[in-house]
Protein backbone atom coordinates (compact mmCIF):
# COMPACT_ATOMS: atom_id res chain seq x y z
CA MET A 1 287.00 82.54 29.34
CA ALA A 2 287.46 83.88 33.14
CA TYR A 3 285.44 81.17 35.40
CA MET A 4 284.97 81.97 38.97
CA THR A 5 283.21 80.29 41.87
CA LYS A 6 280.02 81.77 43.75
CA MET A 7 280.62 84.84 45.64
CA THR A 8 280.08 83.78 49.06
CA ARG A 9 279.95 86.52 51.94
CA LYS A 10 283.73 86.05 52.57
CA LYS A 11 284.60 86.99 48.88
CA ARG A 12 282.33 90.02 49.06
CA GLU A 13 283.82 90.94 52.22
CA LEU A 14 287.34 90.89 50.86
CA MET A 15 286.36 92.65 47.52
CA ALA A 16 284.37 95.24 49.63
CA GLU A 17 287.76 95.75 51.55
CA ILE A 18 289.81 96.06 48.09
CA GLU A 19 287.23 98.67 46.72
CA ARG A 20 288.02 101.11 50.06
CA SER A 21 291.48 101.10 49.97
CA GLU A 22 293.40 102.53 47.01
CA SER A 23 296.06 99.49 46.52
CA LEU A 24 297.18 96.90 49.15
CA SER A 25 299.30 94.04 49.30
CA ILE A 26 297.95 90.69 49.65
CA TYR A 27 299.08 90.12 53.27
CA GLN A 28 297.87 93.46 54.26
CA LEU A 29 294.40 92.58 53.27
CA ALA A 30 294.70 89.50 54.83
CA LYS A 31 295.68 90.94 58.05
CA ARG A 32 292.67 93.46 57.63
CA THR A 33 290.16 90.94 57.12
CA GLY A 34 291.75 88.50 59.88
CA ARG A 35 291.71 85.86 56.98
CA ASN A 36 294.52 82.77 56.22
CA TYR A 37 297.28 84.78 53.56
CA ARG A 38 296.61 81.66 50.95
CA ARG A 39 292.93 81.79 51.23
CA VAL A 40 293.11 85.45 50.42
CA TYR A 41 295.86 85.21 47.84
CA ASP A 42 293.54 82.13 46.19
CA HIS A 43 290.27 84.72 46.07
CA VAL A 44 292.10 87.71 44.29
CA GLN A 45 293.76 85.57 41.57
CA GLU A 46 290.34 84.48 41.37
CA PHE A 47 288.99 87.84 41.22
CA ALA A 48 292.08 88.97 38.67
CA ALA A 49 290.77 86.12 36.23
CA ALA A 50 287.30 87.39 36.29
CA GLY A 51 288.79 90.83 35.59
CA LEU A 52 287.66 92.53 38.93
CA VAL A 53 290.96 93.26 40.19
CA GLN A 54 294.13 93.76 39.00
CA THR A 55 297.54 92.76 40.66
CA HIS A 56 301.39 94.05 40.57
CA GLU A 57 304.36 93.22 41.95
CA GLU A 58 306.26 95.87 43.81
CA ILE A 59 309.54 95.81 45.83
CA HIS A 60 309.67 97.48 49.65
CA ASN A 61 312.31 97.34 51.84
CA GLY A 62 314.18 94.46 49.70
CA ARG A 63 310.92 92.68 49.81
CA ARG A 64 308.69 91.59 46.97
CA SER A 65 305.20 92.36 47.93
CA SER A 66 301.72 91.21 45.21
CA MET A 67 299.64 94.43 45.50
CA VAL A 68 296.05 94.24 44.51
CA GLU A 69 294.23 97.22 43.20
CA SER A 70 290.41 97.42 41.94
CA GLU A 71 289.33 98.11 38.46
CA TYR A 72 287.44 101.31 39.74
CA HIS A 73 290.50 102.48 41.33
CA GLN A 74 292.67 102.07 38.17
CA ARG A 75 289.91 103.89 35.91
CA LEU A 76 289.88 106.91 38.51
CA ASN A 77 293.95 106.96 38.40
CA ARG A 78 293.69 107.44 34.78
CA LEU A 79 291.67 109.76 34.70
CA ASN A 80 293.09 112.06 37.21
CA ASP A 81 296.25 111.40 34.97
CA MET A 82 294.24 112.13 31.81
CA TYR A 83 292.81 115.66 33.46
CA ALA A 84 296.10 116.38 34.64
CA PHE A 85 297.94 116.11 31.55
CA ARG A 86 295.04 118.22 29.86
CA ALA A 87 295.50 120.94 32.49
CA GLY A 88 299.01 121.12 32.21
CA ILE A 89 298.54 121.56 28.19
CA HIS A 90 296.08 124.44 28.74
CA ALA A 91 298.08 126.08 30.88
CA ALA A 92 300.86 126.42 29.20
């Protein structure tokens, strides 16, 4: 069972920034919110454990980045993929 401490104002602001953007690195989130990288990382891990966001690793210019995406954006992307696939079948 996922456990998250109370949703503070800073966590709500961070979650709002995640939901406004399609996919951001933890570093980008820290820069946009003006917060400490480690604090943002810890909060993202709490969000992930609670099922609010998904994280994955990407490599850009030889550097590894932890990317964060809200569940909402992931669902939208899956729906877009599904409709694009169906449209491709009907067009053929």
